[in-house]
Amino acid sequence: MLAVEEGSTVELERVLLVGEGDKILVGSPTIDGAKVFAKVNNHGRGKKILVYRYKSKARYSNKLGHRQHFTNITIERIDVPELKSKTTRKNSDTNTEENQDGA
């Protein structure tokens, strides 16, 4: 569970893997400079899980319950400097080719 209020924006800096189309970047262990911006929707607790321990012939039994806390988020955008620089180069190259053809 993240310690932020509902409706606020969170910046996550530990990005392990990013993919766009056929391009996939894998960090070792994380991707340098990559950031994920997410909006916090709500906080809650998951479904109850029952844990039952039993030992035969020892008259031992123990029943426990557990509910995991969670934060529901929505990803707004992902910033990766390595992917941005490559896409901007391709866009500038196509623009120069179009200008040469039209002249």
Foldseek 3Di string as FASTA:
>chain_A
DDPDDAFDKDKDDFAAWDDDVPDIDGDPRGAPPKIWIKGWHDKDKADKDWDWDDDPPPPDIDIDIDIHIDIDIGTDDMDHVVVVVVVVVVVVVVVVVVVVVVD
